[in-house]
Amino acid sequence: MLAYQLTKEVIKTTYEHEKFLTEVIGDASNTKSKNIAIIGEPGAGKSTLLEKIGKYLIEHNALPIYIPLSNLSGNTLKKYLLKRWLDNPMTPNQLQELLQQQRVWFLLDGLDEMQAAFSVDALNKISQDISKLAAARVVLTCRLNVWDASTKNLLDFQNFKTQEFSSEQVRDFILAWFQRAKEEESEVCHSERNVSEAKNLKNPSFPKTSIIQEGEQLWQKLNESGRERLLDLVKNPLRLALMCQVWDTTKDLPETQAALYKRFTLYHYEWKQAEFPTTPAQRDKLNAALGKLAREAIASGKTRFRIGQNFAYQVMGENLFNRACRLGWLNQVDRDKQTDEPFYAFYHATFQEYFAALAIDDWHFLLNHVPNNPSQGTYRIFEPQWKQVILLWLGREDVEKVHKEEFIKALVKFQDGCGKYYKYRAYFLAAAGIAEFGECSRADEIVEQIVKWGFKTSFIDKLITNSPPLEAANAVLSETYRPKAINALVNFIGNSKDDFTPGRVAKSLVGLKQKLSPNVA
């Protein structure tokens, strides 16, 4: 995982993990460094990096205090420390002494998971809390879309963004994953051989195709023509790990995020079958209940990623809830100090979003547009917590194409009556959505429009068309279906009538090609 510093969307420096720890986190006694925000996509390794930072700080005689921000439950950081954290590790006086020595670091995980109606509220609240802890250093993590949706980022923070894997790193990860799998299988076979010899049975043997060769086969499949989108998809560490597991089980490749999560879900049930057997009908029923719970938790805002047991009982029933816990879909993460009520979270936040996507039967749940009367409509398309759910919904294999087409049309035809601010946001979401819905009939039209917005050259033309910020239009090119974006950029260069535009477009073109293939000059 890489992290790099961002200022106004400009990459200043790229850091490998060890370099990031030594040069950015540095010596814990260095009081001149600013607080740090680690921003990235879901599954990009933010929490993993935070864990490594904690270990590094302990090795350098500092005190890291890890706090999942979903556990604050409306409390301030100070109240959380006094009521929850200080029960066992140390006394308030001991903590105060360490604070005065400037040896305390707060590792705040998941700003996007805080209990707040809007992302701006979460940022403002945590900003106020941090300002009251002047003697401590802070490292916090946040999803990119929530951070970007705020109009006020934390001004006294250095911003770093987790970077997706390069193609070379994807290959290294795959080979390392299957090498690890071979070592584990070797250990199992060694154990089984001892048992078989005791029973005078034939020794087990490795299959003809070694596990390492399977890793090479996966890498070759990912590099086949037409799989550019899939290779791009697994540059996310979590999705790549899921892909390795799915390939090891099925030797088949999914095409969308939703298909990847669906196959891993099937694998998860099969993996648990010996310990907690389930029938296909029971799985379907549990998946539906988990989908309803995930959807309602996200919609409620207050219990989005921290789900109270009572809330779960009401939504899915006690029996299905207990089954979900036994299978590991839900895991206890906290307990209320006053009421002793346990709180739960999904296996991973991205699985909560996947199950929520399964529970959306009608796209109007996400966008019920009532022109000139927004109070009568539903506009979840503009709420950051629903973006990943929408992308997963568009990638579902069981949703009919006609319904996806209707939703994309509603996005690109959206009229807001607010200076086109929401019109552009809806259009950008459609552009991101066609990365999951590759068969969309409007895909070429959408990408071409984004390119035109991103590379307007005439100032007068910009004023007349009231086009969106160029940075926003350019940024969405990396979210949409990149092969189509590349084709649109190439065509735009060919049709350009000035000498300045081709150079600017070419820079974006090279950047997109390098994301697909690291060997592009």
Protein backbone atom coordinates (compact mmCIF):
# COMPACT_ATOMS: atom_id res chain seq x y z
CA MET A 1 0.00 0.00 0.00
CA LEU A 2 1.22 3.45 -0.88
CA ALA A 3 0.25 6.74 0.68
CA TYR A 4 0.91 10.09 -0.82
CA GLN A 5 0.43 13.67 0.25
CA LEU A 6 -2.37 15.64 -1.33
CA THR A 7 -2.74 19.38 -1.57
CA LYS A 8 -5.43 20.62 -3.95
CA GLU A 9 -5.41 17.23 -5.69
CA VAL A 10 -1.69 17.49 -6.50
CA ILE A 11 0.61 14.62 -5.54
CA LYS A 12 3.75 15.99 -3.91
CA THR A 13 5.50 12.85 -2.70
CA THR A 14 4.88 9.12 -2.92
CA TYR A 15 5.78 6.94 0.07
CA GLU A 16 6.27 3.23 0.49
CA HIS A 17 5.10 1.89 3.86
CA GLU A 18 8.43 1.94 5.67
CA LYS A 19 9.35 5.34 4.26
CA PHE A 20 5.97 6.68 5.33
CA LEU A 21 6.50 5.46 8.89
CA THR A 22 10.02 6.82 9.23
CA GLU A 23 9.69 10.11 7.34
CA VAL A 24 6.07 11.09 8.02
CA ILE A 25 5.27 9.57 11.38
CA GLY A 26 8.92 9.95 12.35
CA ASP A 27 10.23 10.07 15.88
CA ALA A 28 7.29 10.35 18.30
CA SER A 29 9.13 13.09 20.18
CA ASN A 30 9.03 15.34 17.11
CA THR A 31 6.37 17.88 18.06
CA LYS A 32 6.65 20.00 14.92
CA SER A 33 4.80 17.60 12.64
CA LYS A 34 1.14 18.21 11.95
CA ASN A 35 -1.76 15.87 12.48
CA ILE A 36 -2.38 13.38 9.67
CA ALA A 37 -5.46 12.36 7.66
CA ILE A 38 -5.30 9.10 5.72
CA ILE A 39 -7.94 9.16 3.00
CA GLY A 40 -8.86 6.40 0.59
CA GLU A 41 -11.41 4.16 -1.04
CA PRO A 42 -13.16 1.37 0.91
CA GLY A 43 -10.88 -1.65 1.22
CA ALA A 44 -7.79 0.36 0.30
CA GLY A 45 -5.92 -0.53 3.51
CA LYS A 46 -6.53 2.54 5.69
CA SER A 47 -7.17 0.57 8.89
CA THR A 48 -4.26 -1.75 8.14
CA LEU A 49 -1.93 1.22 7.77
CA LEU A 50 -3.28 2.66 11.02
CA GLU A 51 -2.45 -0.63 12.77
CA LYS A 52 1.13 -0.48 11.45
CA ILE A 53 1.43 3.10 12.66
CA GLY A 54 0.34 1.96 16.13
CA LYS A 55 3.01 -0.74 16.23
CA TYR A 56 5.65 1.72 15.04
CA LEU A 57 4.71 4.19 17.78
CA ILE A 58 4.93 1.55 20.50
CA GLU A 59 8.41 0.63 19.27
CA HIS A 60 9.36 4.31 19.63
CA ASN A 61 8.14 4.72 23.20
CA ALA A 62 4.89 6.49 22.39
CA LEU A 63 1.33 5.67 23.46
CA PRO A 64 -1.08 5.06 20.55
CA ILE A 65 -4.76 5.17 21.57
CA TYR A 66 -6.87 3.45 18.93
CA ILE A 67 -10.51 4.59 18.75
CA PRO A 68 -13.01 3.35 16.15
CA LEU A 69 -15.03 6.53 15.62
CA SER A 70 -18.23 4.54 15.15
CA ASN A 71 -17.97 3.74 18.88
CA LEU A 72 -18.20 7.36 20.04
CA SER A 73 -22.02 7.15 20.00
CA GLY A 74 -22.37 10.91 20.20
CA ASN A 75 -19.73 11.30 22.93
CA THR A 76 -16.74 13.61 22.64
CA LEU A 77 -13.27 12.10 22.49
CA LYS A 78 -12.66 13.30 26.05
CA LYS A 79 -15.80 11.62 27.38
CA TYR A 80 -14.96 8.43 25.51
CA LEU A 81 -11.52 8.36 27.12
CA LEU A 82 -12.83 8.95 30.62
CA LYS A 83 -15.81 6.61 30.41
CA ARG A 84 -14.49 3.82 28.19
CA TRP A 85 -10.79 3.71 27.53
CA LEU A 86 -9.40 4.55 30.99
CA ASP A 87 -11.17 1.70 32.77
CA ASN A 88 -8.21 -0.64 32.40
CA PRO A 89 -4.99 0.71 30.80
CA MET A 90 -4.13 3.58 33.17
CA THR A 91 -5.42 6.30 35.45
CA PRO A 92 -6.38 9.80 34.26
CA ASN A 93 -3.30 11.20 35.99
CA GLN A 94 -1.00 8.82 34.15
CA LEU A 95 -2.60 9.74 30.83
CA GLN A 96 -2.30 13.45 31.64
CA GLU A 97 1.39 13.01 32.36
CA LEU A 98 1.95 11.32 29.01
CA LEU A 99 -0.01 14.06 27.28
CA GLN A 100 2.23 16.69 28.87
CA GLN A 101 5.26 14.74 27.62
CA GLN A 102 3.66 14.82 24.14
CA ARG A 103 3.90 11.07 23.81
CA VAL A 104 0.22 10.36 23.12
CA TRP A 105 -1.14 9.70 19.63
CA PHE A 106 -4.83 9.27 18.90
CA LEU A 107 -5.47 6.83 16.05
CA LEU A 108 -9.03 7.63 14.96
CA ASP A 109 -10.40 5.05 12.54
CA GLY A 110 -13.36 5.70 10.26
CA LEU A 111 -14.43 9.33 10.27
CA ASP A 112 -17.03 8.28 7.70
CA GLU A 113 -18.49 5.84 10.25
CA MET A 114 -19.26 8.47 12.88
CA GLN A 115 -22.84 8.99 14.00
CA ALA A 116 -23.81 12.16 12.12
CA ALA A 117 -26.52 13.27 9.74
CA PHE A 118 -24.01 14.69 7.24
CA SER A 119 -20.31 14.25 6.59
CA VAL A 120 -19.75 17.95 7.29
CA ASP A 121 -21.20 17.46 10.78
CA ALA A 122 -18.77 14.60 11.47
CA LEU A 123 -15.79 16.66 10.31
CA ASN A 124 -16.80 19.68 12.35
CA LYS A 125 -17.43 17.61 15.47
CA ILE A 126 -14.11 15.78 15.33
CA SER A 127 -12.34 19.06 14.55
CA GLN A 128 -13.72 20.59 17.75
CA ASP A 129 -12.72 17.54 19.79
CA ILE A 130 -9.19 17.52 18.41
CA SER A 131 -8.72 21.22 19.14
CA LYS A 132 -9.24 20.44 22.83
CA LEU A 133 -6.45 17.84 22.76
CA ALA A 134 -3.66 20.18 21.74
CA ALA A 135 -0.95 18.13 23.45
CA ALA A 136 -1.73 14.99 21.47
CA ARG A 137 -0.95 13.99 17.90
CA VAL A 138 -3.77 12.64 15.75
CA VAL A 139 -3.94 10.25 12.80
CA LEU A 140 -7.41 9.68 11.40
CA THR A 141 -8.82 7.69 8.48
CA CYS A 142 -11.73 8.58 6.24
CA ARG A 143 -13.28 7.40 3.00
CA LEU A 144 -12.44 9.58 0.04
CA ASN A 145 -16.00 10.40 -1.02
CA VAL A 146 -16.97 11.53 2.50
CA TRP A 147 -13.85 13.66 2.85
CA ASP A 148 -14.35 15.27 -0.56
CA ALA A 149 -18.05 15.89 0.10
CA SER A 150 -17.21 18.22 2.96
CA THR A 151 -16.79 21.92 2.32
CA LYS A 152 -14.43 22.19 5.27
CA ASN A 153 -11.59 19.72 5.59
CA LEU A 154 -9.46 19.77 8.72
CA LEU A 155 -7.14 22.65 7.97
CA ASP A 156 -4.35 21.75 10.40
CA PHE A 157 -3.94 18.25 8.95
CA GLN A 158 -1.52 16.87 6.43
CA ASN A 159 -3.65 14.95 3.93
CA PHE A 160 -2.44 11.61 2.57
CA LYS A 161 -4.28 9.35 0.19
CA THR A 162 -3.92 5.60 -0.05
CA GLN A 163 -2.83 4.71 -3.56
CA GLU A 164 -4.11 1.77 -5.56
CA PHE A 165 -1.75 -1.03 -6.51
CA SER A 166 0.18 -0.81 -9.74
CA SER A 167 -0.14 -3.75 -12.14
CA GLU A 168 3.26 -4.97 -10.97
CA GLN A 169 2.13 -4.86 -7.34
CA VAL A 170 -1.05 -6.77 -8.27
CA ARG A 171 1.10 -9.55 -9.71
CA ASP A 172 3.41 -9.56 -6.68
CA PHE A 173 0.41 -9.78 -4.35
CA ILE A 174 -1.13 -12.67 -6.29
CA LEU A 175 2.09 -14.69 -6.34
CA ALA A 176 2.70 -13.99 -2.64
CA TRP A 177 -0.87 -15.00 -1.81
CA PHE A 178 -0.60 -18.34 -3.62
CA GLN A 179 2.89 -18.94 -2.23
CA ARG A 180 1.41 -18.55 1.24
CA ALA A 181 -1.42 -20.90 0.28
CA LYS A 182 1.14 -23.50 -0.88
CA GLU A 183 3.02 -23.26 2.40
CA GLU A 184 -0.20 -23.73 4.37
CA GLU A 185 -1.23 -26.68 2.19
CA SER A 186 2.20 -28.22 2.68
CA GLU A 187 1.76 -27.99 6.44
CA VAL A 188 -1.69 -29.61 6.21
CA CYS A 189 -0.39 -32.38 3.96
CA HIS A 190 2.44 -33.06 6.37
CA SER A 191 -0.06 -33.42 9.20
CA GLU A 192 -2.35 -35.63 7.10
CA ARG A 193 0.60 -37.81 6.10
CA ASN A 194 1.33 -38.61 9.73
CA VAL A 195 -2.30 -39.60 10.25
CA SER A 196 -2.45 -41.65 7.06
CA GLU A 197 0.73 -43.52 7.92
CA ALA A 198 -0.73 -44.35 11.30
CA LYS A 199 -3.79 -45.74 9.56
CA ASN A 200 -1.73 -47.38 6.81
CA LEU A 201 -3.46 -45.19 4.20
CA LYS A 202 -2.04 -43.79 0.98
CA ASN A 203 -0.24 -40.48 1.47
CA PRO A 204 -2.01 -37.40 0.12
CA SER A 205 -0.29 -35.65 -2.77
CA PHE A 206 -0.35 -32.20 -4.35
CA PRO A 207 -2.50 -31.71 -7.46
CA LYS A 208 -0.80 -31.76 -10.84
CA THR A 209 -1.16 -28.00 -11.17
CA SER A 210 0.73 -26.39 -8.31
CA ILE A 211 -0.73 -23.53 -6.35
CA ILE A 212 1.98 -21.17 -7.59
CA GLN A 213 1.04 -22.03 -11.19
CA GLU A 214 -2.55 -21.16 -10.30
CA GLY A 215 -1.35 -17.73 -9.27
CA GLU A 216 0.38 -17.29 -12.63
CA GLN A 217 -2.78 -18.45 -14.40
CA LEU A 218 -4.85 -15.88 -12.51
CA TRP A 219 -2.41 -13.12 -13.44
CA GLN A 220 -2.50 -14.16 -17.12
CA LYS A 221 -6.32 -14.24 -17.12
CA LEU A 222 -6.47 -10.76 -15.63
CA ASN A 223 -4.26 -9.50 -18.47
CA GLU A 224 -6.37 -10.93 -21.28
CA SER A 225 -7.87 -8.47 -23.74
CA GLY A 226 -11.24 -7.21 -22.56
CA ARG A 227 -10.43 -7.61 -18.86
CA GLU A 228 -8.98 -4.14 -18.37
CA ARG A 229 -11.84 -3.12 -16.09
CA LEU A 230 -11.39 -6.21 -13.91
CA LEU A 231 -7.64 -5.65 -13.57
CA ASP A 232 -8.38 -2.06 -12.64
CA LEU A 233 -10.94 -3.26 -10.08
CA VAL A 234 -8.52 -5.51 -8.20
CA LYS A 235 -5.91 -2.81 -7.70
CA ASN A 236 -7.82 -2.32 -4.47
CA PRO A 237 -6.17 -4.58 -1.81
CA LEU A 238 -9.39 -5.96 -0.31
CA ARG A 239 -10.93 -6.79 -3.68
CA LEU A 240 -7.67 -8.38 -4.82
CA ALA A 241 -7.64 -10.64 -1.75
CA LEU A 242 -11.25 -11.61 -2.47
CA MET A 243 -10.33 -12.29 -6.10
CA CYS A 244 -7.49 -14.63 -5.10
CA GLN A 245 -9.85 -16.55 -2.83
CA VAL A 246 -12.57 -16.77 -5.47
CA TRP A 247 -10.09 -17.91 -8.13
CA ASP A 248 -8.65 -20.53 -5.80
CA THR A 249 -12.17 -21.90 -5.38
CA THR A 250 -13.82 -21.51 -8.80
CA LYS A 251 -11.04 -20.82 -11.37
CA ASP A 252 -13.44 -18.29 -12.85
CA LEU A 253 -13.38 -14.49 -12.96
CA PRO A 254 -16.26 -12.16 -12.11
CA GLU A 255 -16.68 -8.93 -14.07
CA THR A 256 -18.07 -6.48 -11.50
CA GLN A 257 -17.69 -5.66 -7.82
CA ALA A 258 -21.11 -7.14 -7.10
CA ALA A 259 -20.23 -10.39 -8.88
CA LEU A 260 -16.98 -10.61 -6.91
CA TYR A 261 -18.78 -10.15 -3.57
CA LYS A 262 -21.48 -12.61 -4.60
CA ARG A 263 -18.93 -15.33 -5.29
CA PHE A 264 -17.06 -14.67 -2.09
CA THR A 265 -20.36 -14.85 -0.21
CA LEU A 266 -20.99 -18.31 -1.70
CA TYR A 267 -17.45 -19.34 -0.77
CA HIS A 268 -17.98 -18.06 2.79
CA TYR A 269 -21.04 -20.28 3.24
CA GLU A 270 -19.17 -23.29 1.84
CA TRP A 271 -16.21 -22.60 4.11
CA LYS A 272 -18.53 -22.55 7.16
CA GLN A 273 -20.58 -25.53 5.99
CA ALA A 274 -18.90 -28.14 8.19
CA GLU A 275 -19.25 -26.04 11.34
CA PHE A 276 -22.57 -24.27 10.58
CA PRO A 277 -24.40 -26.14 7.79
CA THR A 278 -26.97 -24.17 5.76
CA THR A 279 -29.27 -25.06 2.88
CA PRO A 280 -29.60 -22.85 -0.22
CA ALA A 281 -33.04 -21.75 1.00
CA GLN A 282 -31.64 -20.78 4.39
CA ARG A 283 -28.85 -18.81 2.74
CA ASP A 284 -31.29 -16.90 0.55
CA LYS A 285 -33.43 -16.06 3.57
CA LEU A 286 -30.43 -14.93 5.61
CA ASN A 287 -29.04 -12.86 2.74
CA ALA A 288 -32.38 -11.11 2.39
CA ALA A 289 -32.47 -10.37 6.12
CA LEU A 290 -28.88 -9.12 6.11
CA GLY A 291 -29.74 -6.94 3.13
CA LYS A 292 -32.67 -5.38 4.94
CA LEU A 293 -30.56 -4.80 8.05
CA ALA A 294 -27.72 -3.26 6.03
CA ARG A 295 -30.08 -1.00 4.08
CA GLU A 296 -32.00 0.18 7.14
CA ALA A 297 -28.81 0.79 9.13
CA ILE A 298 -27.34 2.94 6.36
CA ALA A 299 -30.63 4.79 5.90
CA SER A 300 -30.98 5.52 9.62
CA GLY A 301 -27.67 7.36 9.79
CA LYS A 302 -27.38 6.90 13.53
CA THR A 303 -26.62 3.17 13.36
CA ARG A 304 -24.92 3.00 9.99
CA PHE A 305 -21.82 0.91 10.79
CA ARG A 306 -22.48 0.34 14.49
CA ILE A 307 -25.65 -1.68 14.78
CA GLY A 308 -27.32 -2.16 18.15
CA GLN A 309 -28.60 -5.64 18.96
CA ASN A 310 -32.13 -4.32 19.62
CA PHE A 311 -32.19 -2.60 16.24
CA ALA A 312 -31.01 -5.82 14.54
CA TYR A 313 -33.66 -7.87 16.36
CA GLN A 314 -36.39 -5.51 15.14
CA VAL A 315 -35.23 -5.60 11.53
CA MET A 316 -34.27 -9.24 10.96
CA GLY A 317 -35.51 -11.18 13.98
CA GLU A 318 -33.54 -12.88 16.73
CA ASN A 319 -33.11 -16.27 15.04
CA LEU A 320 -31.68 -14.90 11.80
CA PHE A 321 -29.54 -12.45 13.73
CA ASN A 322 -28.02 -15.27 15.78
CA ARG A 323 -27.38 -17.29 12.64
CA ALA A 324 -25.63 -14.29 11.04
CA CYS A 325 -23.40 -14.02 14.10
CA ARG A 326 -22.54 -17.72 14.08
CA LEU A 327 -21.56 -17.49 10.42
CA GLY A 328 -19.42 -14.42 11.01
CA TRP A 329 -21.42 -11.97 8.91
CA LEU A 330 -22.02 -9.89 12.04
CA ASN A 331 -19.44 -9.45 14.80
CA GLN A 332 -19.69 -7.73 18.16
CA VAL A 333 -17.50 -4.62 18.28
CA ASP A 334 -18.72 -2.71 21.31
CA ARG A 335 -21.07 -2.64 24.31
CA ASP A 336 -23.03 0.25 25.76
CA LYS A 337 -21.73 1.17 29.23
CA GLN A 338 -25.12 2.25 30.58
CA THR A 339 -27.48 -0.34 29.10
CA ASP A 340 -24.96 -3.16 28.43
CA GLU A 341 -26.46 -3.52 24.93
CA PRO A 342 -23.95 -5.08 22.52
CA PHE A 343 -23.23 -3.42 19.18
CA TYR A 344 -22.30 -5.23 15.99
CA ALA A 345 -20.67 -4.53 12.63
CA PHE A 346 -20.67 -6.43 9.35
CA TYR A 347 -17.72 -8.66 8.40
CA HIS A 348 -16.41 -5.59 6.56
CA ALA A 349 -18.14 -2.29 5.77
CA THR A 350 -18.05 -3.14 2.07
CA PHE A 351 -20.08 -6.29 2.73
CA GLN A 352 -22.70 -4.20 4.47
CA GLU A 353 -22.91 -2.09 1.31
CA TYR A 354 -23.09 -5.22 -0.84
CA PHE A 355 -25.95 -6.70 1.18
CA ALA A 356 -27.71 -3.31 1.13
CA ALA A 357 -27.44 -3.30 -2.67
CA LEU A 358 -29.15 -6.72 -2.72
CA ALA A 359 -32.08 -5.24 -0.78
CA ILE A 360 -32.82 -2.51 -3.35
CA ASP A 361 -35.59 -3.85 -5.57
CA ASP A 362 -36.50 -0.56 -7.24
CA TRP A 363 -34.04 2.18 -8.25
CA HIS A 364 -36.59 4.81 -7.16
CA PHE A 365 -35.46 4.02 -3.62
CA LEU A 366 -32.27 5.88 -4.57
CA LEU A 367 -33.84 8.59 -6.70
CA ASN A 368 -37.50 9.52 -6.55
CA HIS A 369 -37.23 12.81 -8.42
CA VAL A 370 -40.20 15.17 -8.05
CA PRO A 371 -39.43 18.26 -10.17
CA ASN A 372 -40.08 21.59 -8.45
CA ASN A 373 -41.04 19.78 -5.25
CA PRO A 374 -37.94 18.11 -3.79
CA SER A 375 -39.55 17.71 -0.36
CA GLN A 376 -41.70 14.99 -1.92
CA GLY A 377 -38.76 13.10 -3.41
CA THR A 378 -35.88 10.91 -2.29
CA TYR A 379 -32.35 11.93 -3.28
CA ARG A 380 -30.01 9.32 -1.87
CA ILE A 381 -27.87 9.69 -4.99
CA PHE A 382 -26.39 12.83 -3.41
CA GLU A 383 -25.61 11.22 -0.03
CA PRO A 384 -22.00 9.91 0.12
CA GLN A 385 -22.90 6.80 2.14
CA TRP A 386 -24.99 5.46 -0.77
CA LYS A 387 -22.47 5.85 -3.60
CA GLN A 388 -20.82 2.44 -3.13
CA VAL A 389 -24.23 0.82 -2.69
CA ILE A 390 -25.33 2.33 -6.00
CA LEU A 391 -22.24 1.02 -7.80
CA LEU A 392 -22.81 -2.46 -6.39
CA TRP A 393 -26.48 -2.33 -7.40
CA LEU A 394 -25.50 -1.45 -10.97
CA GLY A 395 -23.14 -4.43 -11.02
CA ARG A 396 -25.74 -6.96 -9.88
CA GLU A 397 -26.23 -9.75 -12.39
CA ASP A 398 -29.84 -10.34 -11.32
CA VAL A 399 -31.06 -6.79 -11.99
CA GLU A 400 -32.58 -6.48 -15.45
CA LYS A 401 -30.72 -4.26 -17.89
CA VAL A 402 -33.81 -2.17 -18.59
CA HIS A 403 -33.97 -1.05 -14.94
CA LYS A 404 -30.30 -0.07 -14.92
CA GLU A 405 -30.84 1.87 -18.15
CA GLU A 406 -33.78 3.71 -16.58
CA PHE A 407 -31.68 4.69 -13.59
CA ILE A 408 -28.75 5.94 -15.70
CA LYS A 409 -31.19 7.92 -17.86
CA ALA A 410 -32.70 9.51 -14.75
CA LEU A 411 -29.21 10.56 -13.65
CA VAL A 412 -28.09 12.09 -16.95
CA LYS A 413 -31.44 13.85 -17.45
CA PHE A 414 -31.61 15.17 -13.89
CA GLN A 415 -32.65 18.83 -13.67
CA ASP A 416 -32.22 20.62 -10.36
CA GLY A 417 -33.14 24.26 -10.84
CA CYS A 418 -30.13 25.14 -8.65
CA GLY A 419 -27.61 26.42 -11.17
CA LYS A 420 -26.97 22.85 -12.38
CA TYR A 421 -24.89 21.97 -9.29
CA TYR A 422 -26.85 18.78 -8.62
CA LYS A 423 -27.28 18.11 -12.33
CA TYR A 424 -23.53 17.72 -12.67
CA ARG A 425 -23.26 15.60 -9.54
CA ALA A 426 -25.91 13.25 -10.92
CA TYR A 427 -24.11 13.09 -14.25
CA PHE A 428 -20.77 12.32 -12.58
CA LEU A 429 -22.43 9.48 -10.64
CA ALA A 430 -23.71 8.07 -13.93
CA ALA A 431 -20.16 8.23 -15.31
CA ALA A 432 -18.86 6.27 -12.32
CA GLY A 433 -21.77 3.86 -12.61
CA ILE A 434 -21.03 2.72 -16.15
CA ALA A 435 -17.76 1.25 -14.87
CA GLU A 436 -19.99 -1.38 -13.21
CA PHE A 437 -22.67 -1.37 -15.90
CA GLY A 438 -20.52 -1.84 -18.99
CA GLU A 439 -23.48 -2.66 -21.26
CA CYS A 440 -25.06 0.75 -20.75
CA SER A 441 -26.28 2.11 -24.09
CA ARG A 442 -25.33 5.65 -23.05
CA ALA A 443 -21.78 4.84 -21.97
CA ASP A 444 -19.99 6.43 -24.94
CA GLU A 445 -22.22 9.50 -24.81
CA ILE A 446 -21.59 9.98 -21.08
CA VAL A 447 -17.81 9.63 -21.29
CA GLU A 448 -17.59 11.95 -24.30
CA GLN A 449 -19.55 14.61 -22.40
CA ILE A 450 -17.26 14.31 -19.37
CA VAL A 451 -14.22 14.80 -21.60
CA LYS A 452 -15.78 17.90 -23.19
CA TRP A 453 -16.49 19.38 -19.76
CA GLY A 454 -12.99 18.55 -18.56
CA PHE A 455 -11.16 20.21 -21.42
CA LYS A 456 -13.11 23.31 -22.32
CA THR A 457 -10.68 25.83 -23.77
CA SER A 458 -12.80 28.91 -24.40
CA PHE A 459 -13.52 31.08 -21.37
CA ILE A 460 -16.65 32.43 -23.06
CA ASP A 461 -17.76 28.90 -23.86
CA LYS A 462 -17.41 27.96 -20.20
CA LEU A 463 -19.57 30.90 -19.14
CA ILE A 464 -22.27 30.16 -21.69
CA THR A 465 -22.51 26.46 -20.93
CA ASN A 466 -22.15 26.90 -17.16
CA SER A 467 -19.91 23.84 -17.14
CA PRO A 468 -18.80 22.11 -13.93
CA PRO A 469 -15.36 22.63 -12.35
CA LEU A 470 -12.71 21.22 -14.66
CA GLU A 471 -11.03 19.36 -11.78
CA ALA A 472 -14.26 17.50 -10.96
CA ALA A 473 -14.84 16.51 -14.58
CA ASN A 474 -11.27 15.31 -14.97
CA ALA A 475 -11.35 13.38 -11.70
CA VAL A 476 -14.37 11.32 -12.73
CA LEU A 477 -12.46 10.04 -15.78
CA SER A 478 -10.47 7.77 -13.45
CA GLU A 479 -13.72 6.43 -11.94
CA THR A 480 -15.54 5.61 -15.15
CA TYR A 481 -14.85 2.75 -17.55
CA ARG A 482 -11.27 3.60 -18.44
CA PRO A 483 -10.98 2.01 -21.91
CA LYS A 484 -13.92 4.16 -23.02
CA ALA A 485 -12.35 7.20 -21.36
CA ILE A 486 -9.12 6.55 -23.28
CA ASN A 487 -10.99 6.26 -26.57
CA ALA A 488 -12.88 9.47 -25.86
CA LEU A 489 -9.64 11.33 -25.08
CA VAL A 490 -7.99 10.06 -28.26
CA ASN A 491 -10.98 11.22 -30.34
CA PHE A 492 -10.99 14.57 -28.55
CA ILE A 493 -7.34 15.15 -29.45
CA GLY A 494 -8.07 14.28 -33.08
CA ASN A 495 -10.92 16.76 -33.27
CA SER A 496 -9.14 19.56 -31.40
CA LYS A 497 -8.73 22.81 -33.32
CA ASP A 498 -6.09 24.52 -31.20
CA ASP A 499 -2.48 23.81 -30.27
CA PHE A 500 -2.91 23.98 -26.48
CA THR A 501 -5.65 21.40 -25.80
CA PRO A 502 -3.92 18.25 -27.20
CA GLY A 503 -1.05 18.61 -24.73
CA ARG A 504 -3.36 18.85 -21.73
CA VAL A 505 -5.50 15.96 -22.93
CA ALA A 506 -2.41 13.84 -23.64
CA LYS A 507 -1.32 14.10 -19.99
CA SER A 508 -4.64 12.67 -18.85
CA LEU A 509 -4.46 10.03 -21.56
CA VAL A 510 -1.03 8.82 -20.45
CA GLY A 511 -2.19 8.78 -16.81
CA LEU A 512 -5.20 6.59 -17.62
CA LYS A 513 -3.13 4.22 -19.77
CA GLN A 514 -0.54 3.84 -17.04
CA LYS A 515 -3.30 2.83 -14.62
CA LEU A 516 -4.16 0.01 -16.99
CA SER A 517 -0.58 -0.90 -17.89
CA PRO A 518 2.52 0.27 -15.97
CA ASN A 519 4.72 -0.11 -19.06
CA VAL A 520 3.14 2.72 -21.05
CA ALA A 521 5.70 5.44 -21.76
